[in-house]
């Protein structure tokens, strides 16, 4: 191998490493503290519930503490299992269900055979947050959020589906920008799995409406 070719290969490796480190750093910055919007609303609800419904306040506080602990542990390790990911999502949604009451219905499905599959920590959190913030929380009657995982020919396919307001079409003269959270998910997938992984967001095709985010990565991928 010539010296010039060696330099090209080394430069490409350094660039790939830099992209991976940058993606992980942005994740830590993004989740270095609980989402301010959610935290503010949660604390406001807690304040009201302490006097009116102490049991509900205690339940909400338990899930909030679990979420905060989960954020801390995720910063310490770049990957965890799908079971860990679904557990944290469950705590997050439990908080929102206390706030939104019957306006939010949740469905989580994780097959036992996928529980120990590893993936980048908190990979799905931005997708769940977007579904709530942009789809369900602003819809008067609320709706359903479902998160499911399945195995398809050696790939893990995770679907985050909401029946919220759906994707709003952009005017022809307005550029379409990918939300920061979604861009981060796609970038982290690419840095860990390369072209074999993907993340796409589409409008739901059935009468329930809403938005569907689909994440796909190798079941035996190199999440580290």
Protein backbone atom coordinates (compact mmCIF):
# COMPACT_ATOMS: atom_id res chain seq x y z
CA UNK A 1 0.00 0.00 0.00
CA UNK A 2 1.38 3.36 -0.99
CA UNK A 3 1.95 6.11 1.54
CA UNK A 4 -0.69 8.27 -0.14
CA UNK A 5 -3.33 5.53 0.07
CA UNK A 6 -2.45 4.91 3.70
CA UNK A 7 -2.99 8.59 4.48
CA UNK A 8 -6.36 8.52 2.71
CA UNK A 9 -7.51 5.49 4.73
CA UNK A 10 -6.25 6.96 8.00
CA UNK A 11 -7.99 10.27 7.27
CA UNK A 12 -11.26 8.46 6.56
CA UNK A 13 -10.98 6.50 9.83
CA UNK A 14 -10.25 9.66 11.79
CA UNK A 15 -13.22 11.40 10.19
CA UNK A 16 -15.54 8.51 11.03
CA UNK A 17 -14.32 8.45 14.63
CA UNK A 18 -14.83 12.21 14.90
CA UNK A 19 -18.40 11.92 13.58
CA UNK A 20 -19.18 9.18 16.09
CA UNK A 21 -17.76 11.14 19.03
CA UNK A 22 -19.63 14.26 17.94
CA UNK A 23 -22.92 12.35 17.76
CA UNK A 24 -22.43 10.90 21.24
CA UNK A 25 -21.47 14.30 22.63
CA UNK A 26 -24.58 15.93 21.17
CA UNK A 27 -26.69 13.15 22.72
CA UNK A 28 -25.19 13.85 26.15
CA UNK A 29 -25.81 17.57 25.76
CA UNK A 30 -29.36 16.96 24.56
CA UNK A 31 -30.15 14.76 27.57
CA UNK A 32 -27.81 16.23 30.18
CA UNK A 33 -30.96 17.38 31.89
CA UNK A 34 -34.59 16.34 31.72
CA UNK A 35 -36.47 18.03 28.88
CA UNK A 36 -37.27 21.51 30.34
CA UNK A 37 -40.76 21.64 28.81
CA UNK A 38 -41.70 18.25 30.23
CA UNK A 39 -40.04 18.93 33.59
CA UNK A 40 -41.82 22.27 34.05
CA UNK A 41 -45.23 20.77 33.26
CA UNK A 42 -44.51 17.74 35.43
CA UNK A 43 -43.56 19.84 38.46
CA UNK A 44 -46.64 22.02 37.97
CA UNK A 45 -48.85 18.94 37.89
CA UNK A 46 -47.09 17.50 40.95
CA UNK A 47 -47.70 20.72 42.86
CA UNK A 48 -51.42 20.50 42.16
CA UNK A 49 -51.68 16.78 42.86
CA UNK A 50 -49.95 16.94 46.25
CA UNK A 51 -53.05 18.59 47.70
CA UNK A 52 -55.77 17.02 45.55
CA UNK A 53 -54.48 13.48 44.94
CA UNK A 54 -51.40 12.52 47.01
CA UNK A 55 -51.37 8.95 45.67
CA UNK A 56 -51.20 10.15 42.06
CA UNK A 57 -48.50 12.65 43.02
CA UNK A 58 -46.44 9.88 44.64
CA UNK A 59 -46.77 7.71 41.52
CA UNK A 60 -45.76 10.55 39.25
CA UNK A 61 -42.76 11.41 41.43
CA UNK A 62 -41.62 7.76 41.39
CA UNK A 63 -41.61 7.71 37.58
CA UNK A 64 -39.86 11.10 37.41
CA UNK A 65 -37.05 9.89 39.68
CA UNK A 66 -36.70 6.73 37.56
CA UNK A 67 -36.44 8.84 34.40
CA UNK A 68 -33.77 11.09 35.90
CA UNK A 69 -31.77 8.09 37.11
CA UNK A 70 -32.09 6.54 33.66
CA UNK A 71 -30.72 9.69 32.02
CA UNK A 72 -27.71 9.60 34.34
CA UNK A 73 -26.96 5.93 33.65
CA UNK A 74 -27.31 6.47 29.89
CA UNK A 75 -24.67 9.19 29.98
CA UNK A 76 -22.30 6.73 31.68
CA UNK A 77 -22.74 4.00 29.05
CA UNK A 78 -23.12 4.51 25.27
CA UNK A 79 -25.32 1.43 24.85
CA UNK A 80 -27.87 -0.66 26.71
CA UNK A 81 -30.48 -3.33 26.02
CA UNK A 82 -33.86 -2.90 24.38
CA UNK A 83 -35.39 -3.93 27.71
CA UNK A 84 -33.65 -0.95 29.36
CA UNK A 85 -34.81 1.34 26.56
CA UNK A 86 -38.43 0.24 26.87
CA UNK A 87 -38.31 0.55 30.67
CA UNK A 88 -37.21 4.16 30.46
CA UNK A 89 -39.82 4.95 27.81
CA UNK A 90 -42.46 3.38 30.04
CA UNK A 91 -41.50 5.68 32.96
CA UNK A 92 -41.55 8.71 30.66
CA UNK A 93 -44.98 7.86 29.30
CA UNK A 94 -46.34 7.09 32.78
CA UNK A 95 -45.51 10.69 33.77
CA UNK A 96 -47.33 12.03 30.75
CA UNK A 97 -50.34 9.81 31.37
CA UNK A 98 -50.81 11.39 34.80
CA UNK A 99 -50.73 14.82 33.15
CA UNK A 100 -52.82 14.02 30.10
CA UNK A 101 -55.13 11.46 31.77
CA UNK A 102 -57.38 9.69 29.25
CA UNK A 103 -56.09 11.91 26.42
CA UNK A 104 -53.04 9.62 26.18
CA UNK A 105 -53.23 5.89 25.59
CA UNK A 106 -49.95 3.93 25.41
CA UNK A 107 -49.06 0.57 23.94
CA UNK A 108 -45.57 -0.94 24.33
CA UNK A 109 -44.61 -4.29 22.85
CA UNK A 110 -41.18 -5.91 23.18
CA UNK A 111 -40.81 -9.63 22.36
CA UNK A 112 -38.82 -11.61 24.93
CA UNK A 113 -36.30 -12.71 22.29
CA UNK A 114 -35.32 -9.08 21.64
CA UNK A 115 -35.03 -7.95 25.27
CA UNK A 116 -31.24 -8.38 25.41
CA UNK A 117 -30.45 -6.84 22.02
CA UNK A 118 -28.14 -3.88 22.53
CA UNK A 119 -28.54 -0.50 20.89
CA UNK A 120 -27.25 3.04 21.43
CA UNK A 121 -28.64 4.33 24.72
CA UNK A 122 -31.78 6.49 24.51
CA UNK A 123 -31.94 6.08 20.74
CA UNK A 124 -35.75 6.08 20.72
CA UNK A 125 -36.33 8.89 23.22
CA UNK A 126 -36.31 11.73 20.62
CA UNK A 127 -38.88 9.85 18.52
CA UNK A 128 -41.19 9.37 21.50
CA UNK A 129 -40.79 13.00 22.57
CA UNK A 130 -41.59 14.24 19.06
CA UNK A 131 -44.69 12.04 18.90
CA UNK A 132 -45.96 13.53 22.15
CA UNK A 133 -44.93 17.17 21.67
CA UNK A 134 -45.82 17.59 18.00
CA UNK A 135 -48.53 14.97 17.58
CA UNK A 136 -50.56 14.19 20.69
CA UNK A 137 -50.10 16.89 23.32
CA UNK A 138 -51.40 19.62 21.02
CA UNK A 139 -54.36 17.53 19.79
CA UNK A 140 -57.46 18.39 21.81
CA UNK A 141 -58.70 14.81 22.13
CA UNK A 142 -55.21 13.33 22.40
CA UNK A 143 -54.68 9.84 21.01
CA UNK A 144 -52.57 6.70 21.16
CA UNK A 145 -48.82 6.23 21.16
CA UNK A 146 -47.46 2.77 20.41
CA UNK A 147 -43.87 1.55 20.47
CA UNK A 148 -43.15 -1.94 19.19
CA UNK A 149 -40.14 -4.02 18.20
CA UNK A 150 -39.90 -7.03 15.92
CA UNK A 151 -37.27 -9.13 14.20
CA UNK A 152 -37.24 -9.17 10.39
CA UNK A 153 -34.60 -11.26 8.62
CA UNK A 154 -31.81 -10.46 11.06
CA UNK A 155 -32.82 -6.83 11.57
CA UNK A 156 -34.53 -5.22 14.55
CA UNK A 157 -37.40 -3.01 13.38
CA UNK A 158 -38.82 -0.56 15.92
CA UNK A 159 -41.97 1.38 15.16
CA UNK A 160 -43.05 4.51 17.05
CA UNK A 161 -46.57 5.35 16.00
CA UNK A 162 -48.90 8.12 17.15
CA UNK A 163 -52.45 9.05 16.16
CA UNK A 164 -51.77 12.74 16.63
CA UNK A 165 -51.95 15.72 14.31
CA UNK A 166 -49.66 14.16 11.73
CA UNK A 167 -47.02 15.64 9.47
CA UNK A 168 -47.90 19.09 8.20
CA UNK A 169 -47.05 19.67 4.52
CA UNK A 170 -44.53 22.45 3.84
CA UNK A 171 -45.26 25.26 1.35
CA UNK A 172 -43.34 24.88 -1.89
CA UNK A 173 -41.20 27.92 -1.17
CA UNK A 174 -40.32 26.81 2.37
CA UNK A 175 -37.38 24.49 2.97
CA UNK A 176 -38.05 21.30 4.92
CA UNK A 177 -35.82 20.86 7.96
CA UNK A 178 -35.44 17.61 9.84
CA UNK A 179 -36.12 18.13 13.60
CA UNK A 180 -32.96 18.01 15.70
CA UNK A 181 -34.02 14.85 17.54
CA UNK A 182 -34.75 12.92 14.35
CA UNK A 183 -31.51 14.05 12.74
CA UNK A 184 -29.63 12.87 15.82
CA UNK A 185 -31.25 9.43 15.68
CA UNK A 186 -30.29 9.04 12.01
CA UNK A 187 -26.74 10.22 12.69
CA UNK A 188 -26.24 7.87 15.63
CA UNK A 189 -27.55 4.93 13.61
CA UNK A 190 -25.18 5.75 10.75
CA UNK A 191 -22.19 6.11 13.07
CA UNK A 192 -22.85 2.70 14.71
CA UNK A 193 -24.21 0.58 11.88
CA UNK A 194 -23.32 2.42 8.68
CA UNK A 195 -25.62 2.07 5.68
CA UNK A 196 -27.23 -1.08 7.10
CA UNK A 197 -29.39 0.97 9.50
CA UNK A 198 -32.09 3.52 8.78
CA UNK A 199 -34.63 5.84 10.35
CA UNK A 200 -37.59 7.22 8.47
CA UNK A 201 -40.69 9.17 9.44
CA UNK A 202 -43.87 8.94 7.39
CA UNK A 203 -47.49 9.98 7.64
CA UNK A 204 -49.78 7.17 8.80
CA UNK A 205 -51.77 5.67 5.95
CA UNK A 206 -54.87 4.49 7.83
CA UNK A 207 -57.92 6.43 8.99
CA UNK A 208 -56.51 7.01 12.50
CA UNK A 209 -53.99 9.47 11.08
CA UNK A 210 -50.84 10.56 12.84
CA UNK A 211 -47.19 9.81 12.21
CA UNK A 212 -45.03 6.70 12.14
CA UNK A 213 -41.28 6.57 12.78
CA UNK A 214 -39.48 3.37 11.78
CA UNK A 215 -35.98 2.47 13.00
CA UNK A 216 -34.13 -0.48 11.48
CA UNK A 217 -30.72 -1.85 12.49
CA UNK A 218 -28.87 -5.21 12.53
CA UNK A 219 -29.86 -7.44 15.45
CA UNK A 220 -26.20 -8.35 15.95
CA UNK A 221 -24.97 -4.79 15.32
CA UNK A 222 -21.84 -3.29 16.88
CA UNK A 223 -23.56 -1.06 19.47
CA UNK A 224 -20.79 -0.34 21.98
